[in-house]
Amino acid sequence: MNHVRDFLLEEDGIGVVEIILILVVLIGLVIIFKKQLTSLVNSIFNKITSQSSGI
């Protein structure tokens, strides 16, 4: 447990620039695949709704 705490408190790990770059890449992927993600989420919610009415 101490190893996890030490890892999280380590200050020379990930810098602000790296976090910003990761966020930019993730936002870019969401923008590129927005249509596919929307249809996937709608499909999942439709399936959940139809199967929950049978309970």
Protein backbone atom coordinates (compact mmCIF):
# COMPACT_ATOMS: atom_id res chain seq x y z
CA MET A 1 0.00 0.00 0.00
CA ASN A 2 2.88 2.36 0.71
CA HIS A 3 4.22 1.79 -2.80
CA VAL A 4 0.97 3.04 -4.33
CA ARG A 5 0.97 6.14 -2.12
CA ASP A 6 4.62 6.84 -2.96
CA PHE A 7 3.88 6.46 -6.67
CA LEU A 8 0.94 8.89 -6.51
CA LEU A 9 2.91 11.44 -4.51
CA GLU A 10 5.95 11.28 -6.81
CA GLU A 11 6.40 14.75 -8.24
CA ASP A 12 8.71 14.04 -11.15
CA GLY A 13 6.23 11.72 -12.86
CA ILE A 14 3.81 13.02 -15.46
CA GLY A 15 4.11 16.70 -16.21
CA VAL A 16 1.46 19.19 -17.20
CA VAL A 17 2.50 19.11 -20.85
CA GLU A 18 2.09 15.35 -21.04
CA ILE A 19 -1.36 15.52 -19.44
CA ILE A 20 -2.44 18.24 -21.90
CA LEU A 21 -1.18 16.18 -24.84
CA ILE A 22 -3.07 13.10 -23.66
CA LEU A 23 -6.26 15.17 -23.27
CA VAL A 24 -5.83 16.65 -26.76
CA VAL A 25 -5.44 13.19 -28.28
CA LEU A 26 -8.48 11.86 -26.42
CA ILE A 27 -10.63 14.83 -27.43
CA GLY A 28 -9.46 14.41 -31.02
CA LEU A 29 -10.43 10.75 -31.02
CA VAL A 30 -13.87 11.59 -29.62
CA ILE A 31 -14.39 14.21 -32.32
CA ILE A 32 -13.25 11.85 -35.08
CA PHE A 33 -15.37 8.91 -33.93
CA LYS A 34 -18.34 10.91 -32.60
CA LYS A 35 -20.87 9.33 -34.96
CA GLN A 36 -19.75 5.77 -34.20
CA LEU A 37 -19.64 6.43 -30.44
CA THR A 38 -23.11 7.98 -30.48
CA SER A 39 -24.61 5.03 -32.33
CA LEU A 40 -22.85 2.58 -30.01
CA VAL A 41 -24.12 4.33 -26.87
CA ASN A 42 -27.65 4.57 -28.28
CA SER A 43 -27.58 0.89 -29.16
CA ILE A 44 -26.44 -0.06 -25.66
CA PHE A 45 -29.12 2.09 -24.01
CA ASN A 46 -31.83 0.70 -26.31
CA LYS A 47 -30.79 -2.84 -25.42
CA ILE A 48 -30.77 -2.01 -21.69
CA THR A 49 -34.21 -0.41 -21.96
CA SER A 50 -35.75 -3.30 -23.90
CA GLN A 51 -34.28 -5.95 -21.60
CA SER A 52 -35.17 -4.10 -18.39
CA SER A 53 -38.85 -3.98 -19.33
CA GLY A 54 -38.89 -7.78 -19.24
CA ILE A 55 -37.89 -7.91 -15.59
